[in-house]
Structure formats: structure tokens, C-alpha cells
C-alpha atoms as a PDB file:
ATOM      1  CA  MET A   1      -0.035  -0.014  -0.004  1.00  0.00           C
ATOM      2  CA  LYS A   2       1.326   3.449  -0.971  1.00  0.00           C
ATOM      3  CA  ILE A   3       0.605   6.666   0.893  1.00  0.00           C
ATOM      4  CA  LEU A   4       1.150  10.196  -0.403  1.00  0.00           C
ATOM      5  CA  ALA A   5       1.744  12.351   2.624  1.00  0.00           C
ATOM      6  CA  MET A   6       1.825  16.144   1.923  1.00  0.00           C
ATOM      7  CA  ALA A   7       1.750  19.556   3.605  1.00  0.00           C
ATOM      8  CA  SER A   8       2.901  23.083   3.289  1.00  0.00           C
ATOM      9  CA  ILE A   9       6.218  24.063   4.901  1.00  0.00           C
ATOM     10  CA  GLY A  10       6.004  25.210   8.474  1.00  0.00           C
ATOM     11  CA  GLY A  11       3.438  24.116  11.058  1.00  0.00           C
ATOM     12  CA  HIS A  12       1.499  21.972   8.549  1.00  0.00           C
ATOM     13  CA  TRP A  13       4.718  20.086   7.736  1.00  0.00           C
ATOM     14  CA  ILE A  14       5.694  19.617  11.408  1.00  0.00           C
ATOM     15  CA  GLN A  15       2.198  18.230  12.110  1.00  0.00           C
ATOM     16  CA  LEU A  16       2.538  15.835   9.126  1.00  0.00           C
ATOM     17  CA  LEU A  17       5.895  14.549  10.371  1.00  0.00           C
ATOM     18  CA  ARG A  18       4.245  13.771  13.737  1.00  0.00           C
ATOM     19  CA  LEU A  19       2.138  11.202  11.868  1.00  0.00           C
ATOM     20  CA  THR A  20       5.259   9.345  10.630  1.00  0.00           C
ATOM     21  CA  PRO A  21       5.043   6.590  13.311  1.00  0.00           C
ATOM     22  CA  ALA A  22       1.466   5.790  12.219  1.00  0.00           C
ATOM     23  CA  ILE A  23       2.447   5.275   8.562  1.00  0.00           C
ATOM     24  CA  LYS A  24       5.989   3.869   8.899  1.00  0.00           C
ATOM     25  CA  ASP A  25       4.976   0.362   7.807  1.00  0.00           C
ATOM     26  CA  PHE A  26       3.723   1.549   4.415  1.00  0.00           C
ATOM     27  CA  GLU A  27       5.493   2.860   1.310  1.00  0.00           C
ATOM     28  CA  VAL A  28       5.297   6.631   1.834  1.00  0.00           C
ATOM     29  CA  VAL A  29       5.910   9.286  -0.757  1.00  0.00           C
ATOM     30  CA  TYR A  30       6.087  12.897   0.488  1.00  0.00           C
ATOM     31  CA  ALA A  31       5.214  16.221  -1.146  1.00  0.00           C
ATOM     32  CA  ALA A  32       5.464  19.760   0.217  1.00  0.00           C
ATOM     33  CA  THR A  33       5.418  23.330  -0.958  1.00  0.00           C
ATOM     34  CA  ASN A  34       9.182  23.820  -0.344  1.00  0.00           C
ATOM     35  CA  GLU A  35      12.129  21.758  -1.462  1.00  0.00           C
ATOM     36  CA  LYS A  36      13.736  22.177   2.022  1.00  0.00           C
ATOM     37  CA  CYS A  37      11.214  19.708   3.390  1.00  0.00           C
ATOM     38  CA  SER A  38      12.930  16.896   1.422  1.00  0.00           C
ATOM     39  CA  THR A  39      15.896  16.973   3.847  1.00  0.00           C
ATOM     40  CA  MET A  40      13.537  15.782   6.646  1.00  0.00           C
ATOM     41  CA  VAL A  41      12.285  12.721   4.770  1.00  0.00           C
ATOM     42  CA  LYS A  42      15.546  11.327   3.313  1.00  0.00           C
ATOM     43  CA  GLY A  43      15.151   7.909   1.802  1.00  0.00           C
ATOM     44  CA  HIS A  44      11.671   8.696   0.542  1.00  0.00           C
ATOM     45  CA  GLN A  45      10.550   9.919  -2.843  1.00  0.00           C
ATOM     46  CA  PHE A  46       9.740  13.695  -2.526  1.00  0.00           C
ATOM     47  CA  TYR A  47       7.865  16.089  -4.787  1.00  0.00           C
ATOM     48  CA  LYS A  48       7.542  19.862  -4.625  1.00  0.00           C
ATOM     49  CA  ILE A  49       4.062  21.298  -5.073  1.00  0.00           C
ATOM     50  CA  THR A  50       3.710  24.882  -6.301  1.00  0.00           C
ATOM     51  CA  ASP A  51       2.544  27.059  -3.488  1.00  0.00           C
ATOM     52  CA  PHE A  52      -0.329  29.502  -3.939  1.00  0.00           C
ATOM     53  CA  ASN A  53      -3.070  31.166  -1.979  1.00  0.00           C
ATOM     54  CA  ARG A  54      -6.210  33.157  -2.699  1.00  0.00           C
ATOM     55  CA  TRP A  55      -4.125  36.346  -3.252  1.00  0.00           C
ATOM     56  CA  ASN A  56      -2.071  34.821  -6.112  1.00  0.00           C
ATOM     57  CA  PRO A  57      -4.439  32.303  -7.714  1.00  0.00           C
ATOM     58  CA  ILE A  58      -2.531  32.097 -11.043  1.00  0.00           C
ATOM     59  CA  LYS A  59      -0.067  29.731  -9.383  1.00  0.00           C
ATOM     60  CA  MET A  60      -2.928  27.349  -8.652  1.00  0.00           C
ATOM     61  CA  PHE A  61      -2.682  26.138 -12.286  1.00  0.00           C
ATOM     62  CA  TYR A  62       0.895  25.057 -11.629  1.00  0.00           C
ATOM     63  CA  ALA A  63      -0.278  23.221  -8.503  1.00  0.00           C
ATOM     64  CA  ILE A  64      -2.864  21.403 -10.592  1.00  0.00           C
ATOM     65  CA  ILE A  65      -0.186  20.300 -13.013  1.00  0.00           C
ATOM     66  CA  ASP A  66       2.039  19.215 -10.116  1.00  0.00           C
ATOM     67  CA  GLY A  67      -0.902  17.245  -8.673  1.00  0.00           C
ATOM     68  CA  PHE A  68      -1.643  15.334 -11.849  1.00  0.00           C
ATOM     69  CA  ARG A  69       2.057  14.609 -12.320  1.00  0.00           C
ATOM     70  CA  ILE A  70       2.445  13.166  -8.833  1.00  0.00           C
ATOM     71  CA  ILE A  71      -0.824  11.176  -8.832  1.00  0.00           C
ATOM     72  CA  ILE A  72      -0.180   9.631 -12.306  1.00  0.00           C
ATOM     73  CA  LYS A  73       3.433   8.765 -11.496  1.00  0.00           C
ATOM     74  CA  GLU A  74       2.967   7.458  -7.969  1.00  0.00           C
ATOM     75  CA  ASN A  75      -0.608   6.044  -8.055  1.00  0.00           C
ATOM     76  CA  PRO A  76      -1.048   6.176  -4.286  1.00  0.00           C
ATOM     77  CA  ASP A  77      -3.726   4.177  -2.451  1.00  0.00           C
ATOM     78  CA  PHE A  78      -4.189   6.856   0.225  1.00  0.00           C
ATOM     79  CA  ILE A  79      -3.436  10.575   0.347  1.00  0.00           C
ATOM     80  CA  ILE A  80      -3.073  12.309   3.696  1.00  0.00           C
ATOM     81  CA  THR A  81      -2.536  15.997   4.286  1.00  0.00           C
ATOM     82  CA  THR A  82      -2.387  18.334   7.230  1.00  0.00           C
ATOM     83  CA  GLY A  83      -3.514  21.153   5.046  1.00  0.00           C
ATOM     84  CA  SER A  84      -2.976  24.104   2.794  1.00  0.00           C
ATOM     85  CA  ALA A  85      -4.636  25.142  -0.503  1.00  0.00           C
ATOM     86  CA  PRO A  86      -2.056  23.426  -2.771  1.00  0.00           C
ATOM     87  CA  CYS A  87      -2.501  20.155  -0.854  1.00  0.00           C
ATOM     88  CA  MET A  88      -6.278  20.456  -1.098  1.00  0.00           C
ATOM     89  CA  ILE A  89      -5.932  20.660  -4.867  1.00  0.00           C
ATOM     90  CA  VAL A  90      -3.727  17.520  -5.019  1.00  0.00           C
ATOM     91  CA  LEU A  91      -6.161  15.750  -2.590  1.00  0.00           C
ATOM     92  CA  PHE A  92      -9.047  16.498  -5.009  1.00  0.00           C
ATOM     93  CA  ILE A  93      -7.073  15.189  -8.004  1.00  0.00           C
ATOM     94  CA  GLY A  94      -6.319  12.041  -6.051  1.00  0.00           C
ATOM     95  CA  LYS A  95     -10.010  11.590  -5.292  1.00  0.00           C
ATOM     96  CA  LEU A  96     -10.743  11.841  -8.995  1.00  0.00           C
ATOM     97  CA  PHE A  97      -8.287   8.983  -9.523  1.00  0.00           C
ATOM     98  CA  GLY A  98      -9.987   6.833  -6.883  1.00  0.00           C
ATOM     99  CA  CYS A  99      -7.573   7.407  -3.963  1.00  0.00           C
ATOM    100  CA  LYS A 100      -8.776   7.331  -0.355  1.00  0.00           C
ATOM    101  CA  THR A 101      -8.253  10.847   0.945  1.00  0.00           C
ATOM    102  CA  ILE A 102      -7.672  12.194   4.458  1.00  0.00           C
ATOM    103  CA  TRP A 103      -7.697  15.865   5.439  1.00  0.00           C
ATOM    104  CA  ILE A 104      -6.370  16.775   8.872  1.00  0.00           C
ATOM    105  CA  GLU A 105      -7.201  20.373   9.788  1.00  0.00           C
ATOM    106  CA  SER A 106      -4.256  22.295  11.267  1.00  0.00           C
ATOM    107  CA  ILE A 107      -4.106  22.640  15.000  1.00  0.00           C
ATOM    108  CA  ALA A 108      -3.798  26.415  14.408  1.00  0.00           C
ATOM    109  CA  ASN A 109      -7.484  26.514  13.381  1.00  0.00           C
ATOM    110  CA  VAL A 110      -9.017  26.676  16.826  1.00  0.00           C
ATOM    111  CA  GLU A 111     -12.299  28.500  16.272  1.00  0.00           C
ATOM    112  CA  LYS A 112     -13.234  27.487  12.714  1.00  0.00           C
ATOM    113  CA  GLN A 113     -12.019  25.343   9.839  1.00  0.00           C
ATOM    114  CA  SER A 114      -9.807  26.922   7.235  1.00  0.00           C
ATOM    115  CA  LEU A 115     -11.347  27.704   3.841  1.00  0.00           C
ATOM    116  CA  SER A 116      -9.335  24.838   2.340  1.00  0.00           C
ATOM    117  CA  GLY A 117     -10.529  22.530   5.134  1.00  0.00           C
ATOM    118  CA  LYS A 118     -14.139  23.517   4.446  1.00  0.00           C
ATOM    119  CA  ILE A 119     -13.727  22.718   0.773  1.00  0.00           C
ATOM    120  CA  ALA A 120     -11.867  19.446   1.411  1.00  0.00           C
ATOM    121  CA  SER A 121     -14.522  18.219   3.822  1.00  0.00           C
ATOM    122  CA  LYS A 122     -16.947  18.166   0.934  1.00  0.00           C
ATOM    123  CA  PHE A 123     -14.994  15.523  -0.971  1.00  0.00           C
ATOM    124  CA  ALA A 124     -12.367  13.918   1.321  1.00  0.00           C
ATOM    125  CA  SER A 125     -12.921  10.353   2.363  1.00  0.00           C
ATOM    126  CA  ARG A 126     -12.218  11.425   5.999  1.00  0.00           C
ATOM    127  CA  THR A 127     -11.864  14.817   7.557  1.00  0.00           C
ATOM    128  CA  TYR A 128     -10.342  15.306  11.013  1.00  0.00           C
ATOM    129  CA  VAL A 129     -10.068  18.406  13.241  1.00  0.00           C
ATOM    130  CA  GLN A 130      -7.682  18.786  16.154  1.00  0.00           C
ATOM    131  CA  TRP A 131     -10.092  20.670  18.403  1.00  0.00           C
ATOM    132  CA  GLU A 132     -13.185  18.924  19.690  1.00  0.00           C
ATOM    133  CA  ASN A 133     -15.401  21.956  19.311  1.00  0.00           C
ATOM    134  CA  LEU A 134     -14.910  21.801  15.565  1.00  0.00           C
ATOM    135  CA  SER A 135     -16.286  18.284  15.104  1.00  0.00           C
ATOM    136  CA  THR A 136     -19.609  18.121  13.390  1.00  0.00           C
ATOM    137  CA  GLY A 137     -21.384  15.497  11.338  1.00  0.00           C
ATOM    138  CA  GLY A 138     -18.782  13.735   9.230  1.00  0.00           C
ATOM    139  CA  ILE A 139     -15.914  15.855  10.542  1.00  0.00           C
ATOM    140  CA  LYS A 140     -14.248  13.894  13.290  1.00  0.00           C
ATOM    141  CA  TYR A 141     -12.087  14.746  16.305  1.00  0.00           C
ATOM    142  CA  GLU A 142      -9.687  12.017  17.403  1.00  0.00           C
ATOM    143  CA  GLY A 143      -7.155  14.196  19.275  1.00  0.00           C
ATOM    144  CA  SER A 144      -4.212  16.341  18.326  1.00  0.00           C
ATOM    145  CA  VAL A 145      -1.138  15.253  16.391  1.00  0.00           C
ATOM    146  CA  LEU A 146       0.937  17.522  18.687  1.00  0.00           C
ATOM    147  CA  LYS A 147      -0.136  15.984  21.995  1.00  0.00           C
END
């Protein structure tokens, strides 16, 4: 079984790395929005995803191309992300290709889900939040990755 694990650099990436013990028995491919992240997952295939946000949406098209390239080449069974808009795009592409998808909302989102998290919760196979007060319906709380 192959897992694509991805996040943006910074807190999202640190949270993703905290999940490493849970996925260590699988083939794991990593992707992030900064090449520097590759130094923290040596021995694993790594891909860079073009970073973008709502203030520079033109770069989203490059992230879409990156997503198709990664999904077609790696054909993961599962995709897991701790968030960001670029990762949400790749998660959606993976869903189109039949991958099981998991969105874990950042611990930084205490009072409400991020915009990307709200969008991802509409199509992700599973959506998790790290604050109990944010769990509703199909959005689950199972604890925090930083505890």
C-alpha cells in the first residue's frame, strides 16, 4: 500500500511529520510546498508542489499540473494532508483517480475550519479536526497530532 503524505512548509509540515510513526509500515511518498522539506524525509521519494493562496491564484494552475504529475506517477492508495490550499488541490485530484483521501485540519485553526478545510471536507474520504469543538457530522475529532 502506498501513501502520499503532503503539507505546506512550517506548522503543517511539522504536524505531518508527527504522523510518521502511524504510517511507517507503508510505502510513503512525500510532497510539500518547499524543497527544504525533502531533507527531513531522506530515503523517501519527494515532490515539490507549487505554493499558492487566494491572493495569487494564477499559481494554482501550476499546483494542478504538479498534482496530476504526482498522482499519475505514484498512483497512491491513500493521500493524507495536514492542510493548505495546494495540498487540497492534490487531494481533490487524487480523489478523481480513486484514492482514499484524508484531510487533517491544522491545530492552528481553533475556532473554525480553514477555507481549504471546508472545501476538502466536501469531498475527502475522511476529515479530522484537532479541536473537539470543531467536530460536526462527518468531521471527526480524534485528538491532536501535537499531544
